Amino acid sequence: MKLKILVGIFISNTLLFSCSRVLDRAPLDSYTDQSVWTDLKLAEAFANNIYNILPTCTYDWGKSINRSFLLSGAVDEGYNKFDYAGIRSVITKGILSPDNAGDFDIWAKNYSHIQNANIFLSKIDAIPGDETFRNRIKGEITFLRAYAYYQLVTDYGGVPLIKKPFELNSDFKEPRSSYEEVVKFIVSELDIAADLLNTAAKGSPVGRITAPLALAIKSRILLYAASSQWNPANEQAKWAAAAAAAKAVIDLNKFSLYNGNYADIFTTFNSELIGVKLSNKQYDWSAFNGVEMMCYPSGYHGWAALAPTQNLVDAFGTANGKYISDPTSGYDPQKPYVNRDPRFYANIVYDGRSLGSANFVDWRKSSSNPDGTLAEFYEGGLDSPQGIDTWNNSETRYTFRKYMDTTYDFNVTTQNNKFWILSRLSEIYLNYAEAEFYLGHEATARQYLDMLRKRAGITVDLTESGADLEKRIRNERQIELCFEGHRYYDVRRWKIAEVSQNKPIGQVIITRAQNGTKTYQYKDLEQRYFKPGNYLLPIPRTEIERTGLPQNPGYN
C-alpha cells in the first residue's frame, strides 16, 4: 500500500527569516533560495526553525501538543483541568478516533519538519565554508529528523520513511515502513549525528544539539523497542542493544548526578543535564504559555491547569524507601505528608507546603500564614474552591513543584532561557537498570536504582528481585521522571495501560478544624478509560481517505 504524505509543501524562490544574526545583507527582509544555499549562516537560520520539533516548557495555544508537560494529564500522574488538546474529553475518556485527535495529533506537524530537514540535508554539502561549522549544523538537522521520526514511530508505530525532499512533480507516495525499519533508521541517523557533532567545533551554545544527546535518545528508542509492546517474545538481543546504548552514555563520563537542591535540576543548568530545549521570553503576556502560570496554585494567581493526582502522590514512598502500602513503612493517611520520599517534597506542592518567595505574595499573608507562602488547599483555604481565583483551583488539591522557578514573580514578568529537559543522566540510569534487569543482571539494576535513591536521601539499599524488582524499576521511573513526559509512553511500552489508565484518578479533600487540626478524605475525581486499541494513535482520517492506507488496529 502506498501513502501520499501531506506535508504542506510550499516551494518558493523566497525564504523569510526573523533571525537577526543573518539580516546583514540587502534586502533586509528576505533571501532568495539560491542565496540561502550558498551561505552557511543563512543555512543555519533555515535549520534553526526545525528546532521547533523539540518539546518545550511552554504550551503553544491551538497547535499540536509538543510532547512535554501536557502529557501528564493524559496518564494517571496528572489532571488536565481545562481539557487542553482535548485530553480529558477524548484521550482519557477512551473515545480516541481518527477524527477527534485534534491538537494531540502530530502527524502533519512532524512531516512538515521532516520535509524541511530533507531539503536542508540535500543542500548542505554543496555550500562552501568552514567544515567544522557545516558538520555541526548538519549533525543537528540529522538529529532533528531522527527525533521527528522517533516521535512518529512512538505515537503511531511504523510510518513512511521519507529521506529525500518532495518536489512539485513528486507523486507524494511512500510505503509505510515497519516499526523495526523505522527504529533501525532512527538509530543509524543518531549515530551519524553523533559522529558529525563529535567532529564539529567544541563548545556549542547551551540549547544546541550535541553528540551525547544523540546517544541519549538512541538509548531511549532502543529501550522502547526492547519493551513488551514491540518485543513480546522478550528477545534478549534487543535488551542487550538497549543496555549497551545506555552504558555508552554513562561511559562518556561527561555528566554526573546533581547533588545540590533537587528542585534546581529543572530550573538551573547543572551537571545532570544531557540536552535541553530553551524557551525565551517573546512578548509581554508570554507568561500565558509558561509552566509557572499554567501550574501554580490558584491562590498565587496560577491556573493549576496541570495538577498531580492522588495516584501519583501515592506512588511516592516513605523516607525509609518503602511503599506507603507496606504496613512497616510508617505511613499514616491522616498525616500523609510526613516522612515521605524526599523527592515528594521537591516535586509536589501539597497543603501546608511553602512555595515561592514572600516578596511576591503580600495578599496571602495572615496570622496562620505569616509570610504568605504556605499552600492552603484545605476547604476554605486560599488555594481551595472557596479561595482566590476559584475557577483555577486545583481539583486534586495538589500542584506540581517540579519545573517551577520560584526566583521570579510570574504574575509580573516571564523568564528568558527557561528550558525543557530532553534527557538527563537519571533517565539513562533508569534505562540501563531496566535493560540490565531483563538481561538477568539484577545486581546491576539495583546498583543504578540505589544511586538515584541515595542521591534523593534514601540510604537503605534495595534487596528486591524478580517481579518485585521489576515493580521497583517501574515505580522509580514513575516518581523520578514524573511531569517530564515519560509516563505516557512507559505505560504503553510496558503494555500495562489497560490496568493503570483504566481506573479513577484521585483527589484529597482536607477539612481544617478551628483548632487547626486537619482530616483527610480520599475520593475519586474522574474515571479514566483506556481501550486495547489506544496503545497507538490513529492516523488522521483525512490522510487515510487520501491514500487508502490501512488504519492502526482498533480504529476501523
Protein backbone atom coordinates (compact mmCIF):
# COMPACT_ATOMS: atom_id res chain seq x y z
CA MET A 1 0.00 0.00 0.00
CA LYS A 2 1.29 3.45 -0.91
CA LEU A 3 0.83 6.59 1.10
CA LYS A 4 0.55 10.19 -0.02
CA ILE A 5 2.09 12.39 2.61
CA LEU A 6 0.52 15.76 3.15
CA VAL A 7 3.38 17.89 4.33
CA GLY A 8 2.14 21.33 3.46
CA ILE A 9 4.93 21.90 0.96
CA PHE A 10 5.42 25.48 -0.04
CA ILE A 11 8.13 25.80 -2.68
CA SER A 12 9.07 29.39 -3.34
CA ASN A 13 12.08 31.32 -4.50
CA THR A 14 11.96 33.44 -1.36
CA LEU A 15 12.55 32.31 2.22
CA LEU A 16 11.82 34.69 5.08
CA PHE A 17 13.74 34.71 8.33
CA SER A 18 13.37 36.51 11.64
CA CYS A 19 16.84 35.60 12.92
CA SER A 20 18.58 38.96 13.37
CA ARG A 21 22.06 37.42 13.14
CA VAL A 22 21.70 36.87 9.42
CA LEU A 23 19.90 40.07 8.41
CA ASP A 24 23.05 41.83 7.33
CA ARG A 25 22.61 41.99 3.58
CA ALA A 26 20.14 43.72 1.29
CA PRO A 27 17.25 43.15 1.04
CA LEU A 28 16.87 43.07 4.79
CA ASP A 29 13.61 41.10 4.92
CA SER A 30 14.14 38.19 2.52
CA TYR A 31 16.64 35.97 0.73
CA THR A 32 16.43 34.08 -2.49
CA ASP A 33 16.56 30.31 -2.42
CA GLN A 34 19.87 30.50 -4.28
CA SER A 35 21.48 32.79 -1.71
CA VAL A 36 20.37 30.67 1.25
CA TRP A 37 22.06 27.55 -0.12
CA THR A 38 25.34 29.33 -0.81
CA ASP A 39 25.82 30.74 2.71
CA LEU A 40 26.31 28.56 5.79
CA LYS A 41 24.97 31.23 8.14
CA LEU A 42 21.76 31.53 6.15
CA ALA A 43 21.51 27.75 6.02
CA GLU A 44 21.82 27.72 9.82
CA ALA A 45 18.92 30.20 10.05
CA PHE A 46 16.82 27.81 7.96
CA ALA A 47 17.91 24.96 10.23
CA ASN A 48 17.01 26.85 13.40
CA ASN A 49 13.31 26.67 12.50
CA ILE A 50 13.48 22.85 12.51
CA TYR A 51 14.38 23.02 16.21
CA ASN A 52 10.65 23.62 16.72
CA ILE A 53 10.17 19.84 16.54
CA LEU A 54 11.55 19.65 20.09
CA PRO A 55 9.25 19.84 23.12
CA THR A 56 9.41 22.98 25.25
CA CYS A 57 8.36 24.11 28.71
CA THR A 58 5.61 26.22 27.16
CA TYR A 59 2.16 25.44 25.82
CA ASP A 60 1.59 26.55 22.23
CA TRP A 61 -2.07 27.52 22.02
CA GLY A 62 -4.00 25.95 19.17
CA LYS A 63 -1.05 23.94 17.87
CA SER A 64 -0.13 20.28 18.05
CA ILE A 65 0.90 19.21 21.53
CA ASN A 66 4.66 19.44 21.94
CA ARG A 67 5.02 16.23 23.94
CA SER A 68 6.22 17.87 27.17
CA PHE A 69 4.37 18.54 30.44
CA LEU A 70 0.90 18.31 28.90
CA LEU A 71 1.37 14.55 28.51
CA SER A 72 0.99 14.24 32.28
CA GLY A 73 -2.73 14.91 32.01
CA ALA A 74 -3.10 12.01 29.56
CA VAL A 75 -1.98 9.45 32.15
CA ASP A 76 -2.52 8.75 35.82
CA GLU A 77 0.05 11.25 37.06
CA GLY A 78 -1.86 14.40 36.11
CA TYR A 79 -5.26 16.08 35.84
CA ASN A 80 -5.83 18.46 32.93
CA LYS A 81 -8.42 20.83 34.39
CA PHE A 82 -9.15 22.81 31.23
CA ASP A 83 -9.01 19.95 28.72
CA TYR A 84 -6.07 21.33 26.74
CA ALA A 85 -5.60 19.45 23.46
CA GLY A 86 -8.79 17.50 24.16
CA ILE A 87 -7.02 15.28 26.67
CA ARG A 88 -9.95 14.96 29.10
CA SER A 89 -12.74 14.97 26.54
CA VAL A 90 -11.07 12.45 24.21
CA ILE A 91 -7.88 10.73 25.37
CA THR A 92 -8.73 9.80 28.96
CA LYS A 93 -12.37 9.07 28.08
CA GLY A 94 -11.21 6.29 25.79
CA ILE A 95 -13.02 7.67 22.74
CA LEU A 96 -9.98 8.50 20.61
CA SER A 97 -10.70 8.10 16.89
CA PRO A 98 -9.18 9.09 13.53
CA ASP A 99 -11.48 12.15 13.57
CA ASN A 100 -11.02 13.66 17.03
CA ALA A 101 -7.33 13.62 17.99
CA GLY A 102 -7.18 17.35 17.23
CA ASP A 103 -4.19 19.16 18.71
CA PHE A 104 -2.96 15.92 20.26
CA ASP A 105 -2.10 14.62 16.78
CA ILE A 106 1.45 15.32 15.49
CA TRP A 107 1.33 13.65 12.06
CA ALA A 108 1.23 16.70 9.76
CA LYS A 109 3.47 18.82 12.01
CA ASN A 110 6.23 16.24 12.12
CA TYR A 111 6.18 15.50 8.41
CA SER A 112 6.41 19.23 7.71
CA HIS A 113 9.61 19.38 9.77
CA ILE A 114 10.90 16.23 8.06
CA GLN A 115 10.35 17.86 4.65
CA ASN A 116 12.37 20.90 5.74
CA ALA A 117 15.10 18.68 7.19
CA ASN A 118 15.26 16.75 3.91
CA ILE A 119 15.61 20.00 1.96
CA PHE A 120 18.41 21.10 4.26
CA LEU A 121 20.29 17.81 4.09
CA SER A 122 20.02 17.74 0.30
CA LYS A 123 21.68 21.17 0.05
CA ILE A 124 24.17 21.47 2.90
CA ASP A 125 27.11 19.54 1.42
CA ALA A 126 27.32 21.87 -1.58
CA ILE A 127 27.57 25.05 0.46
CA PRO A 128 31.15 26.38 0.69
CA GLY A 129 32.56 27.30 4.06
CA ASP A 130 34.10 26.03 7.27
CA GLU A 131 33.87 22.24 7.52
CA THR A 132 33.52 22.07 11.30
CA PHE A 133 30.64 24.56 11.20
CA ARG A 134 28.99 22.57 8.42
CA ASN A 135 29.36 19.36 10.42
CA ARG A 136 27.70 20.97 13.41
CA ILE A 137 24.56 22.17 11.66
CA LYS A 138 24.39 19.04 9.52
CA GLY A 139 24.65 16.91 12.65
CA GLU A 140 21.93 18.95 14.33
CA ILE A 141 19.46 18.50 11.47
CA THR A 142 20.30 14.83 11.12
CA PHE A 143 19.39 14.51 14.80
CA LEU A 144 16.21 16.57 14.47
CA ARG A 145 14.94 14.49 11.55
CA ALA A 146 15.63 11.34 13.58
CA TYR A 147 13.83 12.90 16.55
CA ALA A 148 10.79 13.67 14.40
CA TYR A 149 10.69 10.00 13.38
CA TYR A 150 11.23 8.91 16.99
CA GLN A 151 8.08 10.84 17.94
CA LEU A 152 6.12 9.45 14.99
CA VAL A 153 7.09 5.82 15.46
CA THR A 154 6.39 6.01 19.18
CA ASP A 155 2.95 7.50 18.62
CA TYR A 156 1.83 5.61 15.51
CA GLY A 157 4.07 2.57 15.06
CA GLY A 158 5.55 2.06 11.60
CA VAL A 159 5.33 5.16 9.43
CA PRO A 160 6.51 6.17 5.93
CA LEU A 161 10.25 6.81 5.86
CA ILE A 162 10.82 9.85 3.66
CA LYS A 163 14.50 10.58 3.24
CA LYS A 164 14.50 12.98 0.29
CA PRO A 165 12.59 16.24 -0.21
CA PHE A 166 9.43 16.24 -2.25
CA GLU A 167 9.39 18.45 -5.34
CA LEU A 168 6.40 19.90 -7.19
CA ASN A 169 6.43 17.00 -9.62
CA SER A 170 6.71 14.29 -6.92
CA ASP A 171 3.86 11.79 -6.65
CA PHE A 172 3.93 12.12 -2.83
CA LYS A 173 3.59 8.37 -2.35
CA GLU A 174 5.69 6.36 0.05
CA PRO A 175 5.09 2.93 1.61
CA ARG A 176 4.58 2.61 5.32
CA SER A 177 7.71 1.07 6.83
CA SER A 178 7.56 -1.37 9.73
CA TYR A 179 8.28 -0.31 13.30
CA GLU A 180 11.58 -2.19 13.18
CA GLU A 181 12.64 -0.48 9.94
CA VAL A 182 11.90 2.97 11.33
CA VAL A 183 13.77 2.26 14.56
CA LYS A 184 16.76 0.98 12.59
CA PHE A 185 16.77 4.20 10.56
CA ILE A 186 16.49 6.37 13.69
CA VAL A 187 19.37 4.58 15.40
CA SER A 188 21.55 4.86 12.30
CA GLU A 189 20.79 8.56 11.94
CA LEU A 190 21.51 9.25 15.60
CA ASP A 191 24.88 7.54 15.22
CA ILE A 192 25.63 9.67 12.16
CA ALA A 193 24.55 12.81 14.04
CA ALA A 194 26.79 11.91 16.99
CA ASP A 195 29.77 11.39 14.70
CA LEU A 196 29.19 14.70 12.92
CA LEU A 197 28.78 16.59 16.17
CA ASN A 198 31.89 14.98 17.64
CA THR A 199 33.94 16.35 14.74
CA ALA A 200 32.33 19.78 14.92
CA ALA A 201 33.64 22.76 16.80
CA LYS A 202 33.54 22.25 20.57
CA GLY A 203 31.64 24.42 22.99
CA SER A 204 28.30 24.69 21.20
CA PRO A 205 25.92 27.12 22.94
CA VAL A 206 23.52 25.73 25.55
CA GLY A 207 20.36 24.55 23.86
CA ARG A 208 22.02 23.22 20.69
CA ILE A 209 22.04 19.54 19.82
CA THR A 210 25.15 17.65 20.95
CA ALA A 211 26.62 14.20 20.37
CA PRO A 212 25.74 13.00 23.91
CA LEU A 213 22.10 13.98 23.37
CA ALA A 214 22.01 11.94 20.16
CA LEU A 215 23.32 8.94 22.10
CA ALA A 216 20.80 9.55 24.89
CA ILE A 217 17.82 9.48 22.52
CA LYS A 218 19.30 6.36 20.95
CA SER A 219 19.24 4.81 24.42
CA ARG A 220 15.57 5.71 24.80
CA ILE A 221 14.33 4.41 21.45
CA LEU A 222 16.21 1.14 21.88
CA LEU A 223 14.69 0.72 25.34
CA TYR A 224 11.24 1.26 23.86
CA ALA A 225 11.97 -1.21 21.06
CA ALA A 226 13.00 -3.85 23.61
CA SER A 227 9.86 -3.43 25.73
CA SER A 228 6.74 -5.61 25.72
CA GLN A 229 4.82 -3.50 23.24
CA TRP A 230 7.37 -4.18 20.49
CA ASN A 231 9.22 -7.19 21.87
CA PRO A 232 6.54 -9.65 23.01
CA ALA A 233 8.97 -12.58 22.67
CA ASN A 234 11.40 -10.81 25.03
CA GLU A 235 14.32 -11.17 22.61
CA GLN A 236 17.49 -10.73 24.62
CA ALA A 237 19.38 -9.13 21.76
CA LYS A 238 17.06 -6.14 21.93
CA TRP A 239 17.65 -5.72 25.64
CA ALA A 240 21.39 -6.06 25.08
CA ALA A 241 21.27 -3.26 22.49
CA ALA A 242 19.31 -1.06 24.91
CA ALA A 243 21.76 -1.76 27.74
CA ALA A 244 24.77 -1.03 25.54
CA ALA A 245 23.28 2.26 24.34
CA ALA A 246 22.61 3.44 27.88
CA LYS A 247 26.05 2.36 29.08
CA ALA A 248 27.66 4.25 26.18
CA VAL A 249 26.18 7.49 27.53
CA ILE A 250 27.22 6.69 31.10
CA ASP A 251 30.76 5.86 29.96
CA LEU A 252 31.17 9.28 28.37
CA ASN A 253 31.88 10.48 31.92
CA LYS A 254 30.65 13.94 30.96
CA PHE A 255 27.66 14.03 33.29
CA SER A 256 27.05 13.37 36.97
CA LEU A 257 24.03 13.25 39.24
CA TYR A 258 23.33 16.71 40.63
CA ASN A 259 23.72 16.67 44.41
CA GLY A 260 22.50 20.17 45.19
CA ASN A 261 18.87 21.14 45.82
CA TYR A 262 16.90 18.53 43.86
CA ALA A 263 14.32 21.04 42.60
CA ASP A 264 17.10 23.07 40.98
CA ILE A 265 17.74 20.28 38.47
CA PHE A 266 14.75 21.58 36.50
CA THR A 267 15.38 25.32 36.67
CA THR A 268 19.18 25.76 36.60
CA PHE A 269 21.86 24.45 34.29
CA ASN A 270 23.68 21.63 36.06
CA SER A 271 25.88 18.56 35.72
CA GLU A 272 22.98 16.16 35.13
CA LEU A 273 21.53 17.73 32.00
CA ILE A 274 22.43 15.98 28.75
CA GLY A 275 20.28 18.15 26.50
CA VAL A 276 17.65 20.88 26.83
CA LYS A 277 15.37 22.96 24.61
CA LEU A 278 15.43 26.64 25.52
CA SER A 279 12.38 28.89 25.51
CA ASN A 280 12.84 32.65 25.62
CA LYS A 281 10.51 35.48 26.56
CA GLN A 282 8.69 36.56 23.42
CA TYR A 283 6.07 39.13 24.36
CA ASP A 284 4.55 40.78 27.42
CA TRP A 285 1.98 38.08 28.15
CA SER A 286 4.00 35.09 27.11
CA ALA A 287 3.57 34.02 30.74
CA PHE A 288 0.31 32.56 29.45
CA ASN A 289 2.44 29.99 27.67
CA GLY A 290 4.68 29.31 30.62
CA VAL A 291 4.77 26.41 33.01
CA GLU A 292 4.54 28.57 36.17
CA MET A 293 1.34 30.33 35.13
CA MET A 294 -0.08 27.00 33.98
CA CYS A 295 0.72 25.07 37.13
CA TYR A 296 0.90 27.30 40.22
CA PRO A 297 -1.98 27.13 42.75
CA SER A 298 -4.92 29.45 42.26
CA GLY A 299 -4.23 31.49 45.41
CA TYR A 300 -0.93 32.59 43.85
CA HIS A 301 -2.91 33.56 40.69
CA GLY A 302 -1.75 30.45 38.87
CA TRP A 303 -4.13 28.27 36.88
CA ALA A 304 -3.47 24.80 38.38
CA ALA A 305 -4.16 23.61 34.84
CA LEU A 306 -1.96 20.52 35.20
CA ALA A 307 -2.17 19.09 38.71
CA PRO A 308 -0.74 15.90 40.25
CA THR A 309 -3.26 13.18 41.01
CA GLN A 310 -3.59 11.35 44.30
CA ASN A 311 -2.42 8.33 42.27
CA LEU A 312 0.96 9.97 41.69
CA VAL A 313 1.20 11.19 45.28
CA ASP A 314 0.60 7.63 46.48
CA ALA A 315 3.39 6.36 44.23
CA PHE A 316 5.95 8.21 46.36
CA GLY A 317 7.15 6.02 49.18
CA THR A 318 8.36 6.92 52.64
CA ALA A 319 11.73 8.20 53.79
CA ASN A 320 12.82 4.65 54.64
CA GLY A 321 12.40 3.65 51.00
CA LYS A 322 9.24 1.59 51.41
CA TYR A 323 5.93 1.83 49.57
CA ILE A 324 3.17 3.53 51.56
CA SER A 325 1.17 0.29 51.19
CA ASP A 326 3.80 -1.53 53.25
CA PRO A 327 2.49 -1.84 56.84
CA THR A 328 6.04 -1.28 58.12
CA SER A 329 6.53 1.97 56.18
CA GLY A 330 5.14 4.19 58.94
CA TYR A 331 2.74 5.93 56.56
CA ASP A 332 -0.36 7.45 58.16
CA PRO A 333 -3.13 8.59 55.76
CA GLN A 334 -4.15 11.22 58.35
CA LYS A 335 -0.57 12.54 58.39
CA PRO A 336 0.06 11.95 54.70
CA TYR A 337 2.91 14.37 54.13
CA VAL A 338 5.16 13.29 57.00
CA ASN A 339 8.37 11.30 56.37
CA ARG A 340 7.87 10.82 52.66
CA ASP A 341 10.48 10.11 49.98
CA PRO A 342 12.46 13.39 49.74
CA ARG A 343 11.58 13.60 46.05
CA PHE A 344 7.95 14.04 47.05
CA TYR A 345 8.77 17.38 48.66
CA ALA A 346 10.76 18.51 45.61
CA ASN A 347 8.08 17.54 43.09
CA ILE A 348 4.69 18.18 44.71
CA VAL A 349 3.01 21.22 46.25
CA TYR A 350 0.67 19.94 48.99
CA ASP A 351 -1.38 21.57 51.71
CA GLY A 352 0.90 23.33 54.21
CA ARG A 353 3.97 23.31 51.98
CA SER A 354 5.91 26.55 51.50
CA LEU A 355 6.12 27.72 47.89
CA GLY A 356 7.97 30.69 46.47
CA SER A 357 9.06 33.97 47.94
CA ALA A 358 7.21 36.10 50.49
CA ASN A 359 8.16 39.14 48.38
CA PHE A 360 5.70 38.05 45.67
CA VAL A 361 2.61 37.12 47.74
CA ASP A 362 1.64 40.01 50.00
CA TRP A 363 -2.09 39.35 49.53
CA ARG A 364 -1.71 35.85 51.05
CA LYS A 365 -0.27 36.90 54.41
CA SER A 366 -2.29 36.23 57.57
CA SER A 367 -1.83 35.16 61.17
CA SER A 368 -1.93 31.49 60.13
CA ASN A 369 0.22 32.10 57.05
CA PRO A 370 2.65 34.83 58.18
CA ASP A 371 4.78 35.10 55.04
CA GLY A 372 2.00 34.01 52.67
CA THR A 373 3.98 31.16 51.13
CA LEU A 374 2.13 28.23 52.71
CA ALA A 375 -0.18 26.43 50.27
CA GLU A 376 -3.75 26.27 51.58
CA PHE A 377 -5.64 23.50 49.80
CA TYR A 378 -7.90 22.79 52.77
CA GLU A 379 -11.57 23.70 52.33
CA GLY A 380 -11.85 27.47 52.72
CA GLY A 381 -8.09 27.98 52.20
CA LEU A 382 -6.59 30.42 49.74
CA ASP A 383 -5.96 27.70 47.14
CA SER A 384 -9.25 25.85 47.64
CA PRO A 385 -12.53 26.05 45.69
CA GLN A 386 -13.58 28.74 48.19
CA GLY A 387 -10.35 30.74 47.98
CA ILE A 388 -8.74 33.10 45.45
CA ASP A 389 -9.39 32.74 41.70
CA THR A 390 -11.74 29.87 42.46
CA TRP A 391 -12.18 28.92 38.81
CA ASN A 392 -8.49 27.98 38.81
CA ASN A 393 -8.40 25.90 41.97
CA SER A 394 -6.67 22.54 41.85
CA GLU A 395 -9.31 19.82 41.74
CA THR A 396 -6.86 17.28 43.18
CA ARG A 397 -5.65 19.70 45.93
CA TYR A 398 -2.06 19.41 44.73
CA THR A 399 0.07 21.22 42.17
CA PHE A 400 3.42 20.41 40.63
CA ARG A 401 6.58 21.86 42.19
CA LYS A 402 8.86 20.35 39.54
CA TYR A 403 9.84 22.88 36.86
CA MET A 404 8.51 25.82 38.90
CA ASP A 405 11.08 28.62 39.06
CA THR A 406 10.32 30.36 42.36
CA THR A 407 13.00 33.05 41.95
CA TYR A 408 10.81 35.45 39.99
CA ASP A 409 7.21 36.72 40.03
CA PHE A 410 5.49 35.02 37.11
CA ASN A 411 2.50 37.37 37.53
CA VAL A 412 4.70 40.31 36.56
CA THR A 413 7.22 39.03 34.05
CA THR A 414 8.49 35.96 32.26
CA GLN A 415 11.90 34.35 32.21
CA ASN A 416 14.49 34.09 29.47
CA ASN A 417 16.39 30.84 28.93
CA LYS A 418 13.85 28.57 30.58
CA PHE A 419 14.34 25.03 29.37
CA TRP A 420 12.67 21.67 28.89
CA ILE A 421 14.90 18.68 29.63
CA LEU A 422 15.31 16.47 26.56
CA SER A 423 17.40 13.99 28.52
CA ARG A 424 19.23 13.84 31.83
CA LEU A 425 21.52 11.30 33.43
CA SER A 426 18.81 9.98 35.77
CA GLU A 427 16.83 8.76 32.77
CA ILE A 428 19.89 6.99 31.40
CA TYR A 429 20.48 5.26 34.75
CA LEU A 430 16.87 4.10 34.72
CA ASN A 431 17.16 2.93 31.11
CA TYR A 432 20.27 0.95 31.99
CA ALA A 433 18.76 -0.55 35.14
CA GLU A 434 15.70 -1.73 33.23
CA ALA A 435 17.65 -3.25 30.36
CA GLU A 436 20.07 -4.99 32.72
CA PHE A 437 17.17 -6.39 34.72
CA TYR A 438 15.68 -8.06 31.65
CA LEU A 439 19.11 -9.44 30.81
CA GLY A 440 19.14 -11.16 34.18
CA HIS A 441 21.68 -8.80 35.78
CA GLU A 442 19.63 -7.86 38.82
CA ALA A 443 22.57 -6.69 40.94
CA THR A 444 23.45 -4.09 38.31
CA ALA A 445 19.82 -2.97 38.13
CA ARG A 446 19.70 -2.49 41.90
CA GLN A 447 23.03 -0.66 41.83
CA TYR A 448 21.79 2.04 39.46
CA LEU A 449 18.45 2.40 41.21
CA ASP A 450 20.24 2.80 44.52
CA MET A 451 22.37 5.59 43.10
CA LEU A 452 19.23 7.59 42.34
CA ARG A 453 17.62 6.77 45.66
CA LYS A 454 20.72 7.68 47.66
CA ARG A 455 21.05 10.96 45.78
CA ALA A 456 17.50 11.67 46.91
CA GLY A 457 18.34 10.80 50.54
CA ILE A 458 17.14 7.19 50.84
CA THR A 459 20.03 5.30 52.40
CA VAL A 460 18.62 1.77 52.52
CA ASP A 461 19.87 -0.49 49.72
CA LEU A 462 17.37 -2.37 47.61
CA THR A 463 17.14 -6.14 48.06
CA GLU A 464 14.18 -6.94 45.80
CA SER A 465 14.44 -9.40 42.95
CA GLY A 466 12.26 -10.88 40.24
CA ALA A 467 8.78 -9.41 39.87
CA ASP A 468 9.35 -7.22 42.94
CA LEU A 469 12.40 -5.65 41.34
CA GLU A 470 10.52 -5.11 38.10
CA LYS A 471 7.83 -3.30 40.10
CA ARG A 472 10.50 -1.19 41.79
CA ILE A 473 12.09 -0.22 38.46
CA ARG A 474 8.72 0.97 37.20
CA ASN A 475 7.97 2.83 40.40
CA GLU A 476 11.33 4.59 40.31
CA ARG A 477 10.64 5.79 36.76
CA GLN A 478 7.18 6.95 37.81
CA ILE A 479 8.44 9.18 40.62
CA GLU A 480 11.90 10.20 39.39
CA LEU A 481 10.65 11.20 35.95
CA CYS A 482 7.18 12.49 36.84
CA PHE A 483 5.98 15.53 34.88
CA GLU A 484 8.76 15.04 32.31
CA GLY A 485 6.68 13.39 29.58
CA HIS A 486 7.85 9.79 30.17
CA ARG A 487 4.92 8.13 31.95
CA TYR A 488 2.63 8.40 28.91
CA TYR A 489 5.00 6.25 26.87
CA ASP A 490 6.13 3.97 29.71
CA VAL A 491 2.67 2.57 30.45
CA ARG A 492 2.19 1.88 26.74
CA ARG A 493 5.51 0.21 26.05
CA TRP A 494 5.08 -1.94 29.20
CA LYS A 495 1.57 -2.87 27.97
CA ILE A 496 0.05 -2.02 31.37
CA ALA A 497 -2.12 0.91 30.29
CA GLU A 498 -5.26 -1.26 30.25
CA VAL A 499 -4.79 -1.53 34.02
CA SER A 500 -3.03 1.65 35.08
CA GLN A 501 -5.09 4.02 32.90
CA ASN A 502 -8.43 2.22 33.16
CA LYS A 503 -9.30 3.34 36.68
CA PRO A 504 -10.22 6.54 38.53
CA ILE A 505 -7.77 9.27 39.37
CA GLY A 506 -7.96 10.55 42.92
CA GLN A 507 -8.12 13.74 44.95
CA VAL A 508 -7.95 14.58 48.63
CA ILE A 509 -10.49 16.73 50.48
CA ILE A 510 -8.95 18.40 53.52
CA THR A 511 -11.07 19.76 56.35
CA ARG A 512 -9.50 22.13 58.86
CA ALA A 513 -10.99 22.43 62.36
CA GLN A 514 -10.96 25.66 64.36
CA ASN A 515 -8.04 24.40 66.41
CA GLY A 516 -6.03 23.88 63.21
CA THR A 517 -6.18 20.09 63.06
CA LYS A 518 -6.92 18.61 59.66
CA THR A 519 -8.65 15.50 58.41
CA TYR A 520 -8.07 13.95 55.00
CA GLN A 521 -10.69 12.24 52.88
CA TYR A 522 -9.59 10.49 49.69
CA LYS A 523 -12.05 10.43 46.80
CA ASP A 524 -12.25 9.51 43.14
CA LEU A 525 -12.13 12.63 40.99
CA GLU A 526 -12.56 11.25 37.50
CA GLN A 527 -12.99 7.80 35.98
CA ARG A 528 -10.47 7.13 33.23
CA TYR A 529 -10.88 4.70 30.33
CA PHE A 530 -8.33 3.00 28.12
CA LYS A 531 -9.11 0.63 25.25
CA PRO A 532 -6.69 -2.02 23.95
CA GLY A 533 -6.64 -0.21 20.61
CA ASN A 534 -5.35 3.01 22.18
CA TYR A 535 -1.74 1.90 22.58
CA LEU A 536 -1.06 3.75 19.32
CA LEU A 537 -2.63 6.93 17.99
CA PRO A 538 -4.88 6.69 14.95
CA ILE A 539 -3.58 8.06 11.68
CA PRO A 540 -5.83 11.04 10.82
CA ARG A 541 -8.83 10.05 8.71
CA THR A 542 -8.06 12.75 6.15
CA GLU A 543 -4.76 11.01 5.48
CA ILE A 544 -6.42 7.60 5.27
CA GLU A 545 -9.07 8.83 2.82
CA ARG A 546 -6.45 10.32 0.51
CA THR A 547 -4.38 7.18 0.42
CA GLY A 548 -6.34 4.09 1.38
CA LEU A 549 -3.67 3.33 3.96
CA PRO A 550 -4.80 0.69 6.49
CA GLN A 551 -5.55 2.26 9.85
CA ASN A 552 -3.82 1.26 13.09
CA PRO A 553 -5.59 -1.62 14.87
CA GLY A 554 -8.59 -0.62 16.96
CA TYR A 555 -9.70 2.38 14.90
CA ASN A 556 -11.54 0.83 11.95
